[in-house]
């Protein structure tokens, strides 16, 4: 019997750092043993543009990776433009510091909290590497929810075998472990305070980089004259996975549909249509039960706007859903304010209509799409489903090039 294709509303992460196969690899660095199991990863880290040697002959194979060096790799891996504010964010990284641009760029993207000392020359610990990477990937919101070990959310989604996770950091380590950045130092310990060599860090980051940059192997698109309410399917994902050829995770429409009880507040600022923590957790729930290669991550161009007053307080508890053409036109208005939510990893805008009405808009663009794609790839999901053909943004001010290229 022909297998069925199911679309689901819920489901975020799998992997494990595999030990690279040994073999003679000429890295070009005299201090990297050609027979080392990490030689190939060092070569890849250099070839990918993630890391450099101290000079043409020395990589620093056995040296500890510093916090500044690790941060620099993350900035390169994410492709961020350099940020150099006039006022330093850290007491020990003045504008004259060698790593000033790198560290400020990371701070601007919420990789680390600004204020106090950054300690750029200190060896980076395994726990710090996990947190810095997870934040760079836009998964801070998911990690913070997992940090509350007493919550149902954490009990369902944390899932590590480690008994030595520090308070307030368990969520970051859980995600780093699940996406395959690193394993533990034993079956039950992570050793968050241990440091890593530059070669070990290269192996960890190459694994993440390769997952992030794998090409989608399957893209599915809907076209429909009208859509219907989704059927309530039994949440037996394992059984569905055994039955289905492909499963579409409809990772959108998480936003509130009625905020009548929250007028005169700014609660609408929590109503992102595609909050990254929810996307991560939904993907994890599904890929924990279904082979990731069967899963397609669903994307929708649907946006939601809330009417607000001149003070930014909510006027109406009923959202409006502007068309793609309308959103593109509003984003092109010279008086439209745009912003980015580090918490939800989604773009927003505040625009004014012709009759003087002010609206707060949650919408997806290439930046939020890239965050979702990275998360899916790190969980082994390389397929995408688009809802729906004919509505996807392509304008200069609003595009989805990550999906359309």
Foldseek 3Di string as FASTA:
>chain_A
DDFDEAEAAFAAFADAQDQADFDQDCQQAPPDGRRDSLSVLSSLCVVVVLADAPDSHGRQQFAFQFPLSLLSSLCVLLVDDWDADPDQQEPPADSPHPSRRSVVRLVVQVLDPGYYHPRRGHRAFQLNSLSSNCLSLLQPLLLQVLLPVVDPSVVVQQDAQEDPDDRPRSSSVSRLRRLHLHHAPDRHHNRRGHTDGPSNNSSSVSSLSCLLPDAFPAEAAADDPDDDDDDDDPPPLLVSQVRHQAYEHAQWQPFDAFDQVFFQHLCNVVGAGHFPSRLNRRHNRNVVRHPQARYAYEDEFWKWKFWADPVNTGDGRGIDTDALVVVVVQLPDPPKDKDADSNRRWIWIWGADPVGIIMIMTGHAQRSVSSSSSRSSSRVHRYYYYPHPPRADDDPSGHNVVVVD
